């Protein structure tokens, strides 16, 4: 199974370029191949599509580029179960001030919409640190 996606890449909040990628599965691994744009021809692998996409994102961030999709937002991260069930394509939107249970979910590769703030586009490391902060926050106030 393969799935092609095209994303706008933002630099300083503005569209700078586009990138097209192909996701394929090799057993239990995700293989992301960059078809066009920055890093064309490069391959990134991970345990699921979110993880392989994060490796590409790390590479793009060195040039100040961020894919304009839900999965690149600071507060988006899949749980282990959601990653297993959706191969990393659905994640939780974990906002530190939102105590919804369960938290809302988003499709990782959906484009941003008008409710999303491009200043929330960030690196996988920042997302992971934010996720940790959410789980370390104080209990919901009464």
N, C-alpha and C. Protein backbone atom coordinates (compact mmCIF):
# COMPACT_ATOMS: atom_id res chain seq x y z
N UNK A 1 0.84 -1.18 0.00
CA UNK A 1 0.00 0.00 0.00
C UNK A 1 0.88 1.24 0.00
N UNK A 2 0.58 2.20 -0.84
CA UNK A 2 1.29 3.47 -0.82
C UNK A 2 0.28 4.61 -0.83
N UNK A 3 0.72 5.73 -0.32
CA UNK A 3 -0.13 6.90 -0.21
C UNK A 3 0.73 8.14 -0.44
N UNK A 4 0.37 8.94 -1.42
CA UNK A 4 1.11 10.16 -1.73
C UNK A 4 0.44 11.36 -1.07
N UNK A 5 1.25 12.27 -0.55
CA UNK A 5 0.78 13.50 0.10
C UNK A 5 1.63 14.66 -0.38
N UNK A 6 1.00 15.82 -0.50
CA UNK A 6 1.72 17.06 -0.82
C UNK A 6 1.41 18.08 0.27
N UNK A 7 2.46 18.74 0.75
CA UNK A 7 2.33 19.72 1.82
C UNK A 7 2.96 21.04 1.40
N UNK A 8 2.33 22.14 1.82
CA UNK A 8 3.01 23.43 1.78
C UNK A 8 4.06 23.40 2.87
N UNK A 9 5.19 24.00 2.62
CA UNK A 9 6.24 24.17 3.63
C UNK A 9 6.30 25.65 3.98
N UNK A 10 6.20 25.94 5.27
CA UNK A 10 6.21 27.33 5.72
C UNK A 10 7.57 27.67 6.31
N UNK A 11 7.97 28.90 6.05
CA UNK A 11 9.16 29.47 6.68
C UNK A 11 8.72 30.84 7.19
N UNK A 12 8.92 31.08 8.46
CA UNK A 12 8.49 32.34 9.08
C UNK A 12 7.01 32.61 8.83
N UNK A 13 6.19 31.56 8.85
CA UNK A 13 4.75 31.70 8.73
C UNK A 13 4.23 31.88 7.32
N UNK A 14 5.10 31.88 6.33
CA UNK A 14 4.70 32.07 4.93
C UNK A 14 5.06 30.83 4.11
N UNK A 15 4.24 30.54 3.09
CA UNK A 15 4.54 29.41 2.21
C UNK A 15 5.83 29.71 1.45
N UNK A 16 6.80 28.82 1.60
CA UNK A 16 8.10 28.98 0.94
C UNK A 16 8.25 28.01 -0.21
N UNK A 17 7.75 26.77 -0.03
CA UNK A 17 7.90 25.72 -1.03
C UNK A 17 6.80 24.69 -0.81
N UNK A 18 6.80 23.69 -1.67
CA UNK A 18 5.95 22.52 -1.47
C UNK A 18 6.82 21.27 -1.49
N UNK A 19 6.30 20.23 -0.86
CA UNK A 19 6.99 18.95 -0.85
C UNK A 19 5.96 17.86 -1.10
N UNK A 20 6.33 16.88 -1.90
CA UNK A 20 5.48 15.71 -2.12
C UNK A 20 6.21 14.48 -1.63
N UNK A 21 5.46 13.64 -0.91
CA UNK A 21 6.05 12.45 -0.31
C UNK A 21 5.17 11.23 -0.60
N UNK A 22 5.77 10.07 -0.48
CA UNK A 22 5.04 8.81 -0.61
C UNK A 22 5.30 7.98 0.65
N UNK A 23 4.21 7.52 1.26
CA UNK A 23 4.30 6.61 2.40
C UNK A 23 4.06 5.20 1.90
N UNK A 24 4.92 4.28 2.30
CA UNK A 24 4.76 2.86 1.98
C UNK A 24 5.04 2.07 3.25
N UNK A 25 4.55 0.87 3.29
CA UNK A 25 4.79 0.00 4.43
C UNK A 25 5.63 -1.18 4.00
N UNK A 26 6.60 -1.50 4.85
CA UNK A 26 7.43 -2.68 4.67
C UNK A 26 7.27 -3.50 5.94
N UNK A 27 6.28 -4.37 5.96
CA UNK A 27 5.97 -5.10 7.18
C UNK A 27 5.42 -4.13 8.21
N UNK A 28 6.12 -4.01 9.32
CA UNK A 28 5.71 -3.12 10.40
C UNK A 28 6.43 -1.77 10.36
N UNK A 29 7.11 -1.45 9.27
CA UNK A 29 7.86 -0.19 9.14
C UNK A 29 7.17 0.73 8.15
N UNK A 30 7.33 2.01 8.38
CA UNK A 30 6.87 3.03 7.45
C UNK A 30 8.08 3.56 6.69
N UNK A 31 7.93 3.65 5.39
CA UNK A 31 8.99 4.21 4.54
C UNK A 31 8.43 5.43 3.83
N UNK A 32 9.01 6.58 4.10
CA UNK A 32 8.61 7.83 3.48
C UNK A 32 9.67 8.19 2.45
N UNK A 33 9.26 8.36 1.20
CA UNK A 33 10.16 8.79 0.14
C UNK A 33 9.75 10.17 -0.31
N UNK A 34 10.70 11.09 -0.36
CA UNK A 34 10.41 12.44 -0.84
C UNK A 34 10.42 12.42 -2.36
N UNK A 35 9.27 12.73 -2.96
CA UNK A 35 9.12 12.68 -4.41
C UNK A 35 9.57 13.97 -5.08
N UNK A 36 9.26 15.12 -4.46
CA UNK A 36 9.68 16.41 -5.03
C UNK A 36 9.78 17.45 -3.92
N UNK A 37 10.52 18.50 -4.22
CA UNK A 37 10.76 19.55 -3.23
C UNK A 37 12.06 19.29 -2.50
N UNK A 38 12.26 20.02 -1.39
CA UNK A 38 13.48 19.81 -0.61
C UNK A 38 13.62 18.36 -0.18
N UNK A 39 14.80 17.84 -0.24
CA UNK A 39 15.13 16.45 0.13
C UNK A 39 14.62 15.43 -0.88
N UNK A 40 14.31 15.87 -2.11
CA UNK A 40 13.82 14.94 -3.15
C UNK A 40 14.77 13.76 -3.27
N UNK A 41 14.18 12.55 -3.29
CA UNK A 41 14.95 11.33 -3.41
C UNK A 41 15.37 10.73 -2.08
N UNK A 42 15.28 11.48 -1.00
CA UNK A 42 15.68 10.95 0.29
C UNK A 42 14.58 10.06 0.87
N UNK A 43 14.99 9.13 1.71
CA UNK A 43 14.07 8.18 2.33
C UNK A 43 14.21 8.28 3.84
N UNK A 44 13.06 8.28 4.52
CA UNK A 44 13.01 8.35 5.98
C UNK A 44 12.16 7.20 6.46
N UNK A 45 12.63 6.46 7.47
CA UNK A 45 11.91 5.29 7.97
C UNK A 45 11.59 5.44 9.44
N UNK A 46 10.46 4.83 9.84
CA UNK A 46 10.06 4.84 11.24
C UNK A 46 9.13 3.69 11.54
N UNK A 47 8.74 3.57 12.79
CA UNK A 47 7.84 2.50 13.20
C UNK A 47 6.42 2.71 12.67
N UNK A 48 6.07 3.94 12.35
CA UNK A 48 4.76 4.26 11.77
C UNK A 48 4.92 5.53 10.94
N UNK A 49 3.84 5.96 10.30
CA UNK A 49 3.92 7.12 9.41
C UNK A 49 4.27 8.41 10.17
N UNK A 50 3.77 8.56 11.39
CA UNK A 50 4.10 9.75 12.18
C UNK A 50 5.60 9.80 12.46
N UNK A 51 6.17 8.67 12.82
CA UNK A 51 7.61 8.64 13.15
C UNK A 51 8.49 8.89 11.92
N UNK A 52 8.15 8.29 10.79
CA UNK A 52 8.96 8.55 9.58
C UNK A 52 8.80 10.00 9.15
N UNK A 53 7.58 10.55 9.28
CA UNK A 53 7.34 11.96 8.95
C UNK A 53 8.15 12.87 9.87
N UNK A 54 8.27 12.49 11.15
CA UNK A 54 9.06 13.30 12.09
C UNK A 54 10.52 13.36 11.69
N UNK A 55 11.04 12.28 11.16
CA UNK A 55 12.44 12.31 10.70
C UNK A 55 12.62 13.29 9.55
N UNK A 56 11.66 13.31 8.63
CA UNK A 56 11.69 14.31 7.56
C UNK A 56 11.57 15.71 8.15
N UNK A 57 10.65 15.89 9.08
CA UNK A 57 10.46 17.21 9.70
C UNK A 57 11.73 17.70 10.38
N UNK A 58 12.44 16.81 11.08
CA UNK A 58 13.71 17.20 11.70
C UNK A 58 14.68 17.72 10.65
N UNK A 59 14.75 17.03 9.53
CA UNK A 59 15.64 17.44 8.45
C UNK A 59 15.24 18.80 7.87
N UNK A 60 13.95 19.00 7.65
CA UNK A 60 13.46 20.26 7.08
C UNK A 60 13.66 21.42 8.05
N UNK A 61 13.52 21.16 9.34
CA UNK A 61 13.64 22.22 10.34
C UNK A 61 15.03 22.86 10.33
N UNK A 62 16.05 22.12 9.88
CA UNK A 62 17.40 22.70 9.81
C UNK A 62 17.44 23.84 8.80
N UNK A 63 16.47 23.86 7.87
CA UNK A 63 16.36 24.95 6.89
C UNK A 63 15.22 25.91 7.24
N UNK A 64 14.67 25.77 8.45
CA UNK A 64 13.59 26.64 8.87
C UNK A 64 12.26 26.36 8.19
N UNK A 65 12.08 25.13 7.68
CA UNK A 65 10.86 24.75 6.96
C UNK A 65 9.99 23.84 7.83
N UNK A 66 8.68 24.11 7.81
CA UNK A 66 7.72 23.34 8.60
C UNK A 66 6.53 22.97 7.73
N UNK A 67 6.18 21.68 7.64
CA UNK A 67 5.01 21.27 6.86
C UNK A 67 3.74 21.85 7.48
N UNK A 68 2.87 22.38 6.64
CA UNK A 68 1.62 22.99 7.09
C UNK A 68 0.55 21.92 7.21
N UNK A 69 0.68 21.07 8.24
CA UNK A 69 -0.31 20.03 8.48
C UNK A 69 -0.49 19.86 9.99
N UNK A 70 -1.58 19.21 10.36
CA UNK A 70 -1.94 19.05 11.77
C UNK A 70 -0.85 18.36 12.58
N UNK A 71 -0.20 17.37 11.99
CA UNK A 71 0.80 16.60 12.72
C UNK A 71 2.06 17.37 13.08
N UNK A 72 2.23 18.58 12.56
CA UNK A 72 3.40 19.39 12.87
C UNK A 72 3.09 20.46 13.92
N UNK A 73 1.85 20.45 14.45
CA UNK A 73 1.48 21.42 15.48
C UNK A 73 2.02 20.98 16.84
N UNK A 74 2.42 21.94 17.63
CA UNK A 74 3.03 21.70 18.94
C UNK A 74 2.25 20.72 19.79
N UNK A 75 0.96 20.83 19.82
CA UNK A 75 0.13 20.08 20.77
C UNK A 75 -0.43 18.77 20.21
N UNK A 76 0.07 18.31 19.07
CA UNK A 76 -0.42 17.07 18.46
C UNK A 76 0.60 15.95 18.66
N UNK A 77 0.13 14.82 19.19
CA UNK A 77 1.00 13.67 19.39
C UNK A 77 0.13 12.42 19.53
N UNK A 78 0.49 11.32 18.85
CA UNK A 78 -0.32 10.09 18.99
C UNK A 78 0.02 9.34 20.28
N UNK A 79 -0.98 8.70 20.82
CA UNK A 79 -0.72 7.78 21.92
C UNK A 79 -0.18 6.49 21.31
N UNK A 80 0.35 5.62 22.12
CA UNK A 80 0.83 4.33 21.62
C UNK A 80 -0.28 3.55 20.94
N UNK A 81 -1.47 3.54 21.56
CA UNK A 81 -2.57 2.78 20.98
C UNK A 81 -3.07 3.41 19.68
N UNK A 82 -3.17 4.75 19.64
CA UNK A 82 -3.64 5.37 18.40
C UNK A 82 -2.62 5.16 17.28
N UNK A 83 -1.33 5.19 17.62
CA UNK A 83 -0.30 4.94 16.61
C UNK A 83 -0.40 3.52 16.08
N UNK A 84 -0.64 2.57 16.98
CA UNK A 84 -0.78 1.17 16.56
C UNK A 84 -2.02 0.97 15.70
N UNK A 85 -3.13 1.56 16.10
CA UNK A 85 -4.39 1.34 15.40
C UNK A 85 -4.47 2.06 14.06
N UNK A 86 -3.78 3.20 13.94
CA UNK A 86 -3.89 4.01 12.71
C UNK A 86 -2.57 4.13 11.97
N UNK A 87 -1.56 3.41 12.40
CA UNK A 87 -0.21 3.47 11.83
C UNK A 87 0.34 4.91 11.87
N UNK A 88 -0.02 5.63 12.96
CA UNK A 88 0.49 6.98 13.17
C UNK A 88 -0.21 8.05 12.36
N UNK A 89 -1.42 7.80 11.91
CA UNK A 89 -2.14 8.78 11.08
C UNK A 89 -3.19 9.58 11.84
N UNK A 90 -3.50 9.17 13.06
CA UNK A 90 -4.43 9.91 13.92
C UNK A 90 -3.72 10.16 15.24
N UNK A 91 -3.87 11.38 15.76
CA UNK A 91 -3.18 11.75 17.00
C UNK A 91 -4.11 12.60 17.85
N UNK A 92 -3.72 12.75 19.10
CA UNK A 92 -4.47 13.60 20.01
C UNK A 92 -4.00 15.04 19.92
N UNK A 93 -4.94 15.97 20.08
CA UNK A 93 -4.63 17.39 20.21
C UNK A 93 -4.63 17.70 21.70
N UNK A 94 -3.46 17.63 22.30
CA UNK A 94 -3.29 17.74 23.76
C UNK A 94 -2.91 19.16 24.16
N UNK A 95 -3.89 19.96 24.43
CA UNK A 95 -3.60 21.34 24.87
C UNK A 95 -3.46 21.36 26.38
N UNK A 96 -2.45 22.07 26.85
CA UNK A 96 -2.12 22.04 28.28
C UNK A 96 -3.26 22.60 29.13
N UNK A 97 -4.10 23.47 28.58
CA UNK A 97 -5.19 24.06 29.36
C UNK A 97 -6.54 23.39 29.09
N UNK A 98 -6.54 22.29 28.34
CA UNK A 98 -7.77 21.58 28.02
C UNK A 98 -7.76 20.22 28.72
N UNK A 99 -8.73 20.01 29.58
CA UNK A 99 -8.79 18.76 30.34
C UNK A 99 -9.84 17.81 29.77
N UNK A 100 -10.17 17.93 28.49
CA UNK A 100 -11.15 17.05 27.86
C UNK A 100 -10.70 15.60 28.00
N UNK A 101 -11.67 14.75 28.23
CA UNK A 101 -11.35 13.33 28.32
C UNK A 101 -12.38 12.54 27.54
N UNK A 102 -12.01 11.88 26.49
CA UNK A 102 -10.66 11.89 25.91
C UNK A 102 -10.42 13.19 25.14
N UNK A 103 -9.17 13.55 24.94
CA UNK A 103 -8.88 14.76 24.16
C UNK A 103 -9.31 14.57 22.71
N UNK A 104 -9.54 15.68 22.00
CA UNK A 104 -9.91 15.55 20.59
C UNK A 104 -8.79 14.93 19.76
N UNK A 105 -9.17 14.30 18.66
CA UNK A 105 -8.18 13.71 17.76
C UNK A 105 -8.16 14.49 16.45
N UNK A 106 -7.04 14.40 15.76
CA UNK A 106 -6.88 15.02 14.43
C UNK A 106 -6.23 14.01 13.51
N UNK A 107 -6.45 14.19 12.24
CA UNK A 107 -5.74 13.40 11.23
C UNK A 107 -4.40 14.10 10.98
N UNK A 108 -3.33 13.40 11.23
CA UNK A 108 -1.98 13.97 11.23
C UNK A 108 -1.65 14.71 9.93
N UNK A 109 -2.07 14.17 8.79
CA UNK A 109 -1.64 14.75 7.52
C UNK A 109 -2.66 15.70 6.90
N UNK A 110 -3.73 16.02 7.64
CA UNK A 110 -4.68 17.02 7.15
C UNK A 110 -4.02 18.38 7.12
N UNK A 111 -4.38 19.22 6.15
CA UNK A 111 -3.81 20.57 6.11
C UNK A 111 -4.33 21.41 7.27
N UNK A 112 -3.59 22.45 7.58
CA UNK A 112 -4.03 23.40 8.60
C UNK A 112 -5.32 24.06 8.14
N UNK A 113 -6.12 24.50 9.10
CA UNK A 113 -7.32 25.27 8.76
C UNK A 113 -7.27 26.61 9.49
N UNK A 114 -8.33 27.39 9.33
CA UNK A 114 -8.31 28.76 9.87
C UNK A 114 -8.21 28.80 11.40
N UNK A 115 -8.56 27.72 12.09
CA UNK A 115 -8.46 27.71 13.54
C UNK A 115 -7.03 27.40 14.03
N UNK A 116 -6.16 26.98 13.14
CA UNK A 116 -4.78 26.65 13.51
C UNK A 116 -3.89 27.88 13.41
N UNK A 117 -2.97 28.00 14.33
CA UNK A 117 -2.02 29.10 14.36
C UNK A 117 -0.68 28.60 13.83
N UNK A 118 -0.19 29.20 12.75
CA UNK A 118 1.06 28.73 12.15
C UNK A 118 2.25 28.88 13.10
N UNK A 119 2.12 29.71 14.11
CA UNK A 119 3.22 29.83 15.07
C UNK A 119 3.31 28.59 15.96
N UNK A 120 2.30 27.71 15.90
CA UNK A 120 2.36 26.44 16.64
C UNK A 120 3.07 25.33 15.86
N UNK A 121 3.49 25.59 14.63
CA UNK A 121 4.28 24.60 13.88
C UNK A 121 5.66 24.52 14.51
N UNK A 122 6.12 23.30 14.74
CA UNK A 122 7.36 23.15 15.49
C UNK A 122 8.05 21.84 15.15
N UNK A 123 9.09 21.53 15.89
CA UNK A 123 9.87 20.32 15.68
C UNK A 123 9.29 19.15 16.49
N UNK A 124 9.63 17.93 16.11
CA UNK A 124 9.20 16.78 16.91
C UNK A 124 9.69 16.82 18.36
N UNK A 125 10.90 17.30 18.59
CA UNK A 125 11.42 17.38 19.97
C UNK A 125 10.57 18.33 20.81
N UNK A 126 10.18 19.48 20.24
CA UNK A 126 9.34 20.42 20.98
C UNK A 126 7.98 19.80 21.26
N UNK A 127 7.44 19.05 20.29
CA UNK A 127 6.17 18.36 20.51
C UNK A 127 6.27 17.37 21.67
N UNK A 128 7.33 16.59 21.68
CA UNK A 128 7.52 15.59 22.73
C UNK A 128 7.64 16.27 24.09
N UNK A 129 8.39 17.35 24.18
CA UNK A 129 8.53 18.08 25.44
C UNK A 129 7.18 18.66 25.89
N UNK A 130 6.40 19.16 24.95
CA UNK A 130 5.08 19.69 25.27
C UNK A 130 4.18 18.56 25.79
N UNK A 131 4.21 17.41 25.13
CA UNK A 131 3.40 16.27 25.56
C UNK A 131 3.75 15.88 26.99
N UNK A 132 5.03 15.87 27.30
CA UNK A 132 5.46 15.56 28.67
C UNK A 132 4.90 16.58 29.66
N UNK A 133 4.94 17.86 29.27
CA UNK A 133 4.41 18.91 30.15
C UNK A 133 2.91 18.73 30.38
N UNK A 134 2.17 18.31 29.38
CA UNK A 134 0.74 18.07 29.54
C UNK A 134 0.51 17.00 30.59
N UNK A 135 1.27 15.93 30.53
CA UNK A 135 1.07 14.84 31.47
C UNK A 135 1.61 15.15 32.86
N UNK A 136 2.42 16.18 32.98
CA UNK A 136 2.94 16.58 34.28
C UNK A 136 2.17 17.75 34.88
N UNK A 137 1.17 18.27 34.18
CA UNK A 137 0.41 19.42 34.67
C UNK A 137 -0.36 19.05 35.94
N UNK A 138 -0.72 20.07 36.72
CA UNK A 138 -1.50 19.78 37.94
C UNK A 138 -2.89 19.26 37.58
N UNK A 139 -3.55 18.61 38.53
CA UNK A 139 -4.90 18.10 38.25
C UNK A 139 -5.85 19.23 37.87
N UNK A 140 -6.92 18.83 37.21
CA UNK A 140 -7.94 19.80 36.77
C UNK A 140 -8.46 20.57 37.99
N UNK A 141 -8.47 21.92 37.87
CA UNK A 141 -9.00 22.70 38.99
C UNK A 141 -10.50 22.49 39.13
N UNK A 142 -11.00 22.60 40.38
CA UNK A 142 -12.44 22.41 40.61
C UNK A 142 -13.25 23.57 40.13
